[in-house]
């Protein structure tokens, strides 16, 4: 890590536009990665607590898209769109996420999966186009709490469903 001034760590150029969320999942990296690759898996855990997902189109490949609606627990529907920009099995997935293709407020996320013995460390690093959009996501849409809940849902799904399937 580079340093600036009197020993203070350098801050990335995007730090004021970032949200970084991480979690340790008690499952092998390959199973955690698998949960992202098939819409049958993804739609069962994606989103914060109480949300459900209806997929309109899904193609997991670089340049592929996931067009879906997230249904909030209060009945609000949120049109969502993701384009996969980089896929490096089983360690990294990069994506662009907005309301639709061409959304000027779309944000970039990089999901990194790192094995650590029998567990996998997952980090989701999201960079917004502006600090204001990041702040709005945090304050209005509770993006940090929602991201933590999403990773909690992923952990539960992988350990309870995929790991059990792998053992059988």
C-alpha atoms as a PDB file:
ATOM      1  CA  UNK A   1       0.000   0.000   0.000  1.00  0.00           C
ATOM      2  CA  UNK A   2       1.383   3.401  -0.860  1.00  0.00           C
ATOM      3  CA  UNK A   3       1.595   6.068   1.780  1.00  0.00           C
ATOM      4  CA  UNK A   4       1.063   9.805   1.808  1.00  0.00           C
ATOM      5  CA  UNK A   5       2.205  12.499   4.186  1.00  0.00           C
ATOM      6  CA  UNK A   6       3.105  11.356   7.677  1.00  0.00           C
ATOM      7  CA  UNK A   7       2.491   7.654   7.325  1.00  0.00           C
ATOM      8  CA  UNK A   8      -1.201   7.953   6.500  1.00  0.00           C
ATOM      9  CA  UNK A   9      -2.347   5.287   4.013  1.00  0.00           C
ATOM     10  CA  UNK A  10      -3.210   6.585   0.559  1.00  0.00           C
ATOM     11  CA  UNK A  11      -6.909   6.766  -0.142  1.00  0.00           C
ATOM     12  CA  UNK A  12      -8.144   5.467  -3.474  1.00  0.00           C
ATOM     13  CA  UNK A  13      -9.333   8.029  -5.995  1.00  0.00           C
ATOM     14  CA  UNK A  14     -12.841   6.549  -5.743  1.00  0.00           C
ATOM     15  CA  UNK A  15     -13.089   6.196  -1.940  1.00  0.00           C
ATOM     16  CA  UNK A  16     -15.787   8.860  -1.572  1.00  0.00           C
ATOM     17  CA  UNK A  17     -17.888   7.065  -4.234  1.00  0.00           C
ATOM     18  CA  UNK A  18     -17.444   3.507  -2.906  1.00  0.00           C
ATOM     19  CA  UNK A  19     -19.308   1.034  -0.790  1.00  0.00           C
ATOM     20  CA  UNK A  20     -17.366  -2.057   0.255  1.00  0.00           C
ATOM     21  CA  UNK A  21     -19.163  -4.968   1.902  1.00  0.00           C
ATOM     22  CA  UNK A  22     -17.619  -8.303   2.820  1.00  0.00           C
ATOM     23  CA  UNK A  23     -18.539 -11.560   4.491  1.00  0.00           C
ATOM     24  CA  UNK A  24     -17.059 -14.968   5.234  1.00  0.00           C
ATOM     25  CA  UNK A  25     -19.119 -17.867   3.898  1.00  0.00           C
ATOM     26  CA  UNK A  26     -18.657 -21.398   5.218  1.00  0.00           C
ATOM     27  CA  UNK A  27     -18.444 -23.028   1.809  1.00  0.00           C
ATOM     28  CA  UNK A  28     -15.892 -23.624  -0.930  1.00  0.00           C
ATOM     29  CA  UNK A  29     -15.344 -20.778  -3.389  1.00  0.00           C
ATOM     30  CA  UNK A  30     -16.640 -22.855  -6.317  1.00  0.00           C
ATOM     31  CA  UNK A  31     -20.057 -23.228  -4.673  1.00  0.00           C
ATOM     32  CA  UNK A  32     -20.251 -19.526  -3.847  1.00  0.00           C
ATOM     33  CA  UNK A  33     -19.356 -18.711  -7.466  1.00  0.00           C
ATOM     34  CA  UNK A  34     -21.978 -21.205  -8.719  1.00  0.00           C
ATOM     35  CA  UNK A  35     -24.674 -19.261  -6.858  1.00  0.00           C
ATOM     36  CA  UNK A  36     -24.032 -16.337  -9.260  1.00  0.00           C
ATOM     37  CA  UNK A  37     -23.977 -18.337 -12.496  1.00  0.00           C
ATOM     38  CA  UNK A  38     -27.482 -19.768 -12.718  1.00  0.00           C
ATOM     39  CA  UNK A  39     -30.652 -17.703 -12.394  1.00  0.00           C
ATOM     40  CA  UNK A  40     -32.317 -20.589 -10.531  1.00  0.00           C
ATOM     41  CA  UNK A  41     -29.808 -19.971  -7.743  1.00  0.00           C
ATOM     42  CA  UNK A  42     -29.445 -16.204  -8.045  1.00  0.00           C
ATOM     43  CA  UNK A  43     -33.136 -15.414  -7.821  1.00  0.00           C
ATOM     44  CA  UNK A  44     -33.441 -17.378  -4.565  1.00  0.00           C
ATOM     45  CA  UNK A  45     -30.985 -15.249  -2.596  1.00  0.00           C
ATOM     46  CA  UNK A  46     -30.488 -11.926  -4.435  1.00  0.00           C
ATOM     47  CA  UNK A  47     -31.574  -8.791  -2.623  1.00  0.00           C
ATOM     48  CA  UNK A  48     -32.186  -7.617   0.917  1.00  0.00           C
ATOM     49  CA  UNK A  49     -34.423  -9.378   3.436  1.00  0.00           C
ATOM     50  CA  UNK A  50     -38.060  -9.540   2.315  1.00  0.00           C
ATOM     51  CA  UNK A  51     -37.369  -8.851  -1.374  1.00  0.00           C
ATOM     52  CA  UNK A  52     -38.202 -11.272  -4.177  1.00  0.00           C
ATOM     53  CA  UNK A  53     -36.979 -11.268  -7.758  1.00  0.00           C
ATOM     54  CA  UNK A  54     -38.703 -11.837 -11.104  1.00  0.00           C
ATOM     55  CA  UNK A  55     -36.287 -12.405 -13.970  1.00  0.00           C
ATOM     56  CA  UNK A  56     -37.168 -11.209 -17.470  1.00  0.00           C
ATOM     57  CA  UNK A  57     -33.896 -12.232 -19.155  1.00  0.00           C
ATOM     58  CA  UNK A  58     -30.645 -13.776 -17.941  1.00  0.00           C
ATOM     59  CA  UNK A  59     -27.402 -14.667 -19.651  1.00  0.00           C
ATOM     60  CA  UNK A  60     -24.341 -15.157 -17.446  1.00  0.00           C
ATOM     61  CA  UNK A  61     -21.411 -14.372 -19.734  1.00  0.00           C
ATOM     62  CA  UNK A  62     -19.248 -11.319 -20.399  1.00  0.00           C
ATOM     63  CA  UNK A  63     -21.561  -8.954 -22.276  1.00  0.00           C
ATOM     64  CA  UNK A  64     -24.610 -10.882 -21.079  1.00  0.00           C
ATOM     65  CA  UNK A  65     -27.396  -9.209 -19.168  1.00  0.00           C
ATOM     66  CA  UNK A  66     -29.756  -9.883 -16.306  1.00  0.00           C
ATOM     67  CA  UNK A  67     -33.003  -7.938 -16.632  1.00  0.00           C
ATOM     68  CA  UNK A  68     -35.174  -8.323 -13.535  1.00  0.00           C
ATOM     69  CA  UNK A  69     -37.650  -6.738 -11.151  1.00  0.00           C
ATOM     70  CA  UNK A  70     -37.053  -6.662  -7.416  1.00  0.00           C
ATOM     71  CA  UNK A  71     -40.289  -6.704  -5.438  1.00  0.00           C
ATOM     72  CA  UNK A  72     -39.984  -4.907  -2.117  1.00  0.00           C
ATOM     73  CA  UNK A  73     -41.748  -6.127   1.019  1.00  0.00           C
ATOM     74  CA  UNK A  74     -43.950  -2.986   0.839  1.00  0.00           C
ATOM     75  CA  UNK A  75     -45.143  -3.923  -2.671  1.00  0.00           C
ATOM     76  CA  UNK A  76     -42.855  -1.485  -4.521  1.00  0.00           C
ATOM     77  CA  UNK A  77     -41.317  -2.843  -7.725  1.00  0.00           C
ATOM     78  CA  UNK A  78     -37.807  -1.823  -8.741  1.00  0.00           C
ATOM     79  CA  UNK A  79     -36.751  -2.335 -12.366  1.00  0.00           C
ATOM     80  CA  UNK A  80     -33.143  -3.575 -12.386  1.00  0.00           C
ATOM     81  CA  UNK A  81     -30.561  -4.360 -15.042  1.00  0.00           C
ATOM     82  CA  UNK A  82     -27.095  -5.878 -14.767  1.00  0.00           C
ATOM     83  CA  UNK A  83     -24.500  -6.382 -17.499  1.00  0.00           C
ATOM     84  CA  UNK A  84     -21.633  -8.744 -16.724  1.00  0.00           C
ATOM     85  CA  UNK A  85     -18.397  -6.961 -17.687  1.00  0.00           C
ATOM     86  CA  UNK A  86     -15.804  -9.466 -16.460  1.00  0.00           C
ATOM     87  CA  UNK A  87     -16.046 -13.064 -15.277  1.00  0.00           C
ATOM     88  CA  UNK A  88     -12.985 -14.910 -13.975  1.00  0.00           C
ATOM     89  CA  UNK A  89     -14.194 -18.263 -12.584  1.00  0.00           C
ATOM     90  CA  UNK A  90     -14.236 -18.847  -9.698  1.00  0.00           C
ATOM     91  CA  UNK A  91     -12.583 -15.755  -8.231  1.00  0.00           C
ATOM     92  CA  UNK A  92     -14.122 -12.584  -9.651  1.00  0.00           C
ATOM     93  CA  UNK A  93     -17.239 -11.106 -11.255  1.00  0.00           C
ATOM     94  CA  UNK A  94     -17.498  -7.505 -12.434  1.00  0.00           C
ATOM     95  CA  UNK A  95     -20.779  -5.919 -13.446  1.00  0.00           C
ATOM     96  CA  UNK A  96     -22.570  -2.724 -14.330  1.00  0.00           C
ATOM     97  CA  UNK A  97     -25.874  -2.250 -12.436  1.00  0.00           C
ATOM     98  CA  UNK A  98     -28.631   0.226 -13.186  1.00  0.00           C
ATOM     99  CA  UNK A  99     -32.343   0.502 -13.819  1.00  0.00           C
ATOM    100  CA  UNK A 100     -31.915  -0.239 -17.528  1.00  0.00           C
ATOM    101  CA  UNK A 101     -29.317  -0.355 -20.295  1.00  0.00           C
ATOM    102  CA  UNK A 102     -27.867   3.122 -20.798  1.00  0.00           C
ATOM    103  CA  UNK A 103     -28.763   4.311 -17.270  1.00  0.00           C
ATOM    104  CA  UNK A 104     -26.438   7.300 -16.653  1.00  0.00           C
ATOM    105  CA  UNK A 105     -26.536   6.541 -12.901  1.00  0.00           C
ATOM    106  CA  UNK A 106     -25.482   2.898 -13.258  1.00  0.00           C
ATOM    107  CA  UNK A 107     -22.752   1.813 -10.879  1.00  0.00           C
ATOM    108  CA  UNK A 108     -19.935  -0.705 -11.178  1.00  0.00           C
ATOM    109  CA  UNK A 109     -19.413  -3.593  -8.781  1.00  0.00           C
ATOM    110  CA  UNK A 110     -16.589  -6.080  -8.474  1.00  0.00           C
ATOM    111  CA  UNK A 111     -17.246  -9.245  -6.494  1.00  0.00           C
ATOM    112  CA  UNK A 112     -14.107 -11.034  -5.360  1.00  0.00           C
ATOM    113  CA  UNK A 113     -14.122 -14.561  -3.922  1.00  0.00           C
ATOM    114  CA  UNK A 114     -11.025 -15.583  -1.971  1.00  0.00           C
ATOM    115  CA  UNK A 115     -10.606 -19.088  -0.532  1.00  0.00           C
ATOM    116  CA  UNK A 116      -9.410 -19.325   3.052  1.00  0.00           C
ATOM    117  CA  UNK A 117      -9.246 -22.966   4.058  1.00  0.00           C
ATOM    118  CA  UNK A 118     -12.796 -24.342   4.158  1.00  0.00           C
ATOM    119  CA  UNK A 119     -14.401 -20.876   3.925  1.00  0.00           C
ATOM    120  CA  UNK A 120     -14.683 -18.219   1.236  1.00  0.00           C
ATOM    121  CA  UNK A 121     -14.199 -14.507   1.785  1.00  0.00           C
ATOM    122  CA  UNK A 122     -16.465 -12.476  -0.464  1.00  0.00           C
ATOM    123  CA  UNK A 123     -15.961  -8.768  -1.043  1.00  0.00           C
ATOM    124  CA  UNK A 124     -18.382  -6.613  -3.008  1.00  0.00           C
ATOM    125  CA  UNK A 125     -16.802  -3.296  -4.007  1.00  0.00           C
ATOM    126  CA  UNK A 126     -19.245  -0.871  -5.634  1.00  0.00           C
ATOM    127  CA  UNK A 127     -18.245   2.429  -7.233  1.00  0.00           C
ATOM    128  CA  UNK A 128     -20.900   5.022  -8.077  1.00  0.00           C
ATOM    129  CA  UNK A 129     -20.492   7.690 -10.790  1.00  0.00           C
ATOM    130  CA  UNK A 130     -20.627  10.470  -8.161  1.00  0.00           C
ATOM    131  CA  UNK A 131     -20.359  10.909  -4.396  1.00  0.00           C
ATOM    132  CA  UNK A 132     -23.934  12.241  -4.420  1.00  0.00           C
ATOM    133  CA  UNK A 133     -25.282   9.042  -6.018  1.00  0.00           C
ATOM    134  CA  UNK A 134     -23.364   6.962  -3.483  1.00  0.00           C
ATOM    135  CA  UNK A 135     -24.745   9.037  -0.607  1.00  0.00           C
ATOM    136  CA  UNK A 136     -28.288   8.760  -1.996  1.00  0.00           C
ATOM    137  CA  UNK A 137     -27.932   4.971  -2.271  1.00  0.00           C
ATOM    138  CA  UNK A 138     -26.775   4.800   1.351  1.00  0.00           C
ATOM    139  CA  UNK A 139     -29.324   7.229   2.812  1.00  0.00           C
ATOM    140  CA  UNK A 140     -32.447   6.665   0.690  1.00  0.00           C
ATOM    141  CA  UNK A 141     -32.050   3.010  -0.307  1.00  0.00           C
ATOM    142  CA  UNK A 142     -30.027   1.739   2.696  1.00  0.00           C
ATOM    143  CA  UNK A 143     -27.419   0.249   0.327  1.00  0.00           C
ATOM    144  CA  UNK A 144     -24.961  -0.816   3.023  1.00  0.00           C
ATOM    145  CA  UNK A 145     -27.545  -2.625   5.129  1.00  0.00           C
ATOM    146  CA  UNK A 146     -29.163  -4.054   1.985  1.00  0.00           C
ATOM    147  CA  UNK A 147     -25.794  -5.282   0.711  1.00  0.00           C
ATOM    148  CA  UNK A 148     -25.041  -6.929   4.035  1.00  0.00           C
ATOM    149  CA  UNK A 149     -28.454  -8.626   3.995  1.00  0.00           C
ATOM    150  CA  UNK A 150     -27.871  -9.783   0.415  1.00  0.00           C
ATOM    151  CA  UNK A 151     -24.541 -11.387   1.348  1.00  0.00           C
ATOM    152  CA  UNK A 152     -26.205 -12.945   4.410  1.00  0.00           C
ATOM    153  CA  UNK A 153     -28.876 -14.409   2.097  1.00  0.00           C
ATOM    154  CA  UNK A 154     -26.139 -15.704  -0.221  1.00  0.00           C
ATOM    155  CA  UNK A 155     -24.325 -17.343   2.704  1.00  0.00           C
ATOM    156  CA  UNK A 156     -27.502 -19.037   3.927  1.00  0.00           C
ATOM    157  CA  UNK A 157     -28.432 -20.226   0.438  1.00  0.00           C
ATOM    158  CA  UNK A 158     -24.980 -21.619  -0.329  1.00  0.00           C
ATOM    159  CA  UNK A 159     -24.508 -23.375   2.998  1.00  0.00           C
ATOM    160  CA  UNK A 160     -28.086 -24.697   3.284  1.00  0.00           C
ATOM    161  CA  UNK A 161     -28.902 -25.532  -0.338  1.00  0.00           C
ATOM    162  CA  UNK A 162     -25.876 -25.859  -2.589  1.00  0.00           C
ATOM    163  CA  UNK A 163     -23.614 -27.487  -0.026  1.00  0.00           C
ATOM    164  CA  UNK A 164     -26.308 -30.026   0.867  1.00  0.00           C
ATOM    165  CA  UNK A 165     -26.832 -30.760  -2.853  1.00  0.00           C
ATOM    166  CA  UNK A 166     -23.080 -31.224  -3.329  1.00  0.00           C
ATOM    167  CA  UNK A 167     -22.960 -33.767  -0.496  1.00  0.00           C
ATOM    168  CA  UNK A 168     -25.716 -35.909  -2.034  1.00  0.00           C
END
